[in-house]
Amino acid sequence: MPYIDDSPASSPRLGSKSRGSRDTLSSGSLESSKSTELDAEKGLEMRKWVLSGILASEETYLGQLEALLLPMKPLKAAATTSQPVLTVTQIETIFFKVAELYEIHKEFYDGLLPRVQQWNHQQRVGDLFQRLANQLGLYRAFVDNYEVAVETAEKCSQANSQFAEISENLKVRSSKECKDHTVKMSLEALLYKPVDRVTRGTLVLHDLLKHTPPSHPDHPLLQDALRISQNFLSSINEEITPRRQSMTVKKGEHRQLLKDSFMVELVEGARKLRHVFLFTDLLLCAKLKKMTGGKSQQYDCKWYIPLADLAFQNVDESDSCPIPQVPDEDIDAMKIKISQIKNEIQREKKANKGGKLVERLRKKLCEQESLLLLTSPCMAFRVHNRNGKSYTFLISSDYERAEWREAIREQQKKRFKSFSLTSVELQMLTNSCVKLQTVHSIPLTINKEDDESPGLYGFLNVIVHSASGLKQSLNLYCTLEVDSFGYFVNKAKTRVYRDTTEPNWNEEFEIELEGSQTLRLLCYEKCYNKSKLNREDGENSDRIVAKSQIQLDPQALPGKDWQRTVVSMNGIEVKLSMKFTSREFSLKRMPSRKQTGVFGVKISTVTKRERSKVPYIVRQCVEEVERRGMEEVGIYRVSGVATDIQALKVAFDANDKDVSVMMSEMDVNAIAGTLKLYFRELPEPLFTDELYPSFAGGIALSDSVAKESCMLNLLLSLPEPNLVTFLFLLDHLKRVAENESVNKMSLHNLATVFGPTLLRPSEKDSKIPANPTLPISMGDSWSLEVMSQVQVLLYFLQLETIPTPDSKRQSILFSTEV
């Protein structure tokens, strides 16, 4: 592992493919000989770079020790006066061995600097490292006193405001070249520096030895220095290293990081962004500190639980703390802002304007995306410390919750003993998180490279065929999730296949993708016995049997053909077929060639033929949904089975007399899907191409009175079949939303589903790029157009009454005569 210091002047992290002198020359091979010499030359050059980095690191460390010594002298002088800030004993305890550490490192630095400045490949430095290693005993004394020093400093700060002010505002010089530039650090942070230094000494020597050929005079000296350092580190390792178990792991074993990710913690009703780390024996929750003044990344530990003391909280629903829900309107407003900012960034980049404006926009984008990720999760994941309090995380997907539970339970099988960390050990462990973390940034698009895929936009058709490999008969169903705006959303659910080891669903779903990169598949066992329901986290949930995820490849997926795949998970295999249709092709309104049906036929033509005010298909679907779908979770949002929807489409087009019987036997989500499909395939939107731009302009008006007048006048300007059908549908959607506490479909959720379906203009009026090869990103105007369509429908849904003239009011009282 390369030695990397937090010094701002540290050397660049260079990689070397040098084989050093371990290479052997092939006899008679001149090219091999030249290659080996060249590699050796590169290795020796790299040695200089490593030493330059060590020098820069030493300079930074000396500056930190100087900052500790600076207040020590006046404090000692004041201690003998009538008004001491600290006693002599307190000073000696807090600053124990700091002066001695400064002296040995100053001697090392003064010896190394001229040798690096007068560099040649035979230059020796091993004696300096050997001498420094032999003086490591000072660190033993410092480490033994460290905890007492920190506790004494804390008590003194609480008792004396003058010392508190001093200890929080110590100034550290950056480097000799920038003497005037200083960075503020606390006394506690500076006292930790020697503790951190001793654990990193062996890394320095490893790096230097790596680039020192065995034939070099320094090699045996550096090896001896490394041996001394390793022995010393081993002797105090149980007390200070962040990579060791303190009381729970057998001697010689290492504490390892198993899993980490950013999560939202619910703290006294407020949402806080945390970085959570699962080690082999404990779960640690940390906060990422804000970086100022060129400081390196740092974490602040909020709490930890030994796995021996961790339990998943079983909470009765009545006792469960309510999760504060962020209104859908607020979530949508954030998405609108994100899309607007991305649009601005793209415009500025194309115009090749100054980078400062783009940077400001990127900062705004980061703030909005961070806010969205903080406010969107609403699924509780609760952990409990048997010796203390409980903690609640909010996550967006059952997939993540299951992953964390599985990883923790797997470690708990090893049956560690309970323990507690000292403040030194906890500080060391928290600091190690910076180096050990595997998730380095919040999942924001702002953190993606410019050449990284923006994800897929359009519709993904997925057929869930069957499952095999079950060892016992189960009541099994599957759900499908995709990512959007950085978090995962549940998009589809198969029917429950009861009491079988080989379920055959053969159900097709159409899933809308918004910059999606991953499809997740989860298999659940449906629990019909309420007494056996899994009540962890206060949720009445079914058991996850298996789960997996598939990366959506933008290169492989597009095409007319279905792609079959087998997903293996926990010994179970699920067969899927997938087909992707990009947005520019999926959003075309295509008039039907057969004007005798209802799909793809103008609404005026259908109502005239049927001699009705509202098309028969709309009335039938609404009636069936109101009969048995008003309490269906996710009604209109969860996809229905595509094959059922297509069967109903054919039946309605053929005016099949048995269509009502077919509907009664189908899942209600298929009925809802058929209604959505009917409006989506209208050759002209319900709000008409002609009036669409006016609706989009009206909703953007800031004056509420002007907006209401404009929107109502526009609504009454619709052709009568369109107006009557819309008001019929509007009342139905309001009744659906009245059951929001059960079906989870708010007015906003319904507007999100139906807005684009009812308002999206025909292709000739759409802002979708005409060139199908052009990628459509969330920064394009299309996203803002969709948001506008949602806002228009939401506006009408939120109106308590729509005052229409009496002449039209008579015709819209849900007149359904044929």
Foldseek 3Di string as FASTA:
>chain_A
DADDDLAPPAFDDDDAPAPAPVDDDDPPDPVSVVVNVVSLVVLLVVLLNLLRRVLSRLQQLLLLLVLVVVVLVVQVVQQPDPDHLDHPVLSCLQCPLSVVVSVLSVVLSVVSVVDSVVDDSQGANLVSLLVSLVPCVSLVVLLVSLLVNVVSLVVSVVVGVVSVVSQQFGWGANGPVRRVDTDGHGSNVSSCVSLVVLVCSLSSLVSSLVSRHPVHPNNVSSVNSNVSSVVVCLVCVLAFALFPDNAWDPPPDTKAWDDKDWFWWQDPQATDIWIWTDILFKIWIWDWDDDPDSGDTAIDTPDMATLLQKDQDQDALVRFDAHDADDPVVLLVLLLLLLQLLLVLVVCVVVVDDPVVNVVSLVVNVVSLVVNRRRPFDQWGKMQGNVDGIIITGANDPVVSVVVVVVSVVSCVVPTDGDDHRPNNVRNNRRCCCVNPPDNDQQAPSPDDPPDQLAAFAKKKKWFFKKAQAPFFFFKKKWKWWDASRHIDTAAIFHTDGGDRMDTGRFMWIGGDASTFKMKMWMFGDDPDQVPADRGSNDRDTHTPWMDMDTDDPVPAADDDWDWDWDDTPRMIIIMIMHGDGHLVRQAQAADPDQQAQFNHALVSQCVVVVWLEHPLLVLLLVLCVVPPLLAACQLRHTFGPVLLVVLRVCRGVVPPCSSVSCVPGDNSSSSNNNLNRLSNHNFALLGPVCLVQLLVLLPDPDPVSSLVSLLVSLVPGPSSSNLNVVVVLVSVLSSQVNCVRRVQHLLNVLLSCQCSRRVGHPVSDPPDPDPVDDDHSNDCNVVSSSSSSSSSSVVSPDPDRDDDPVSVVRNPVTTDD
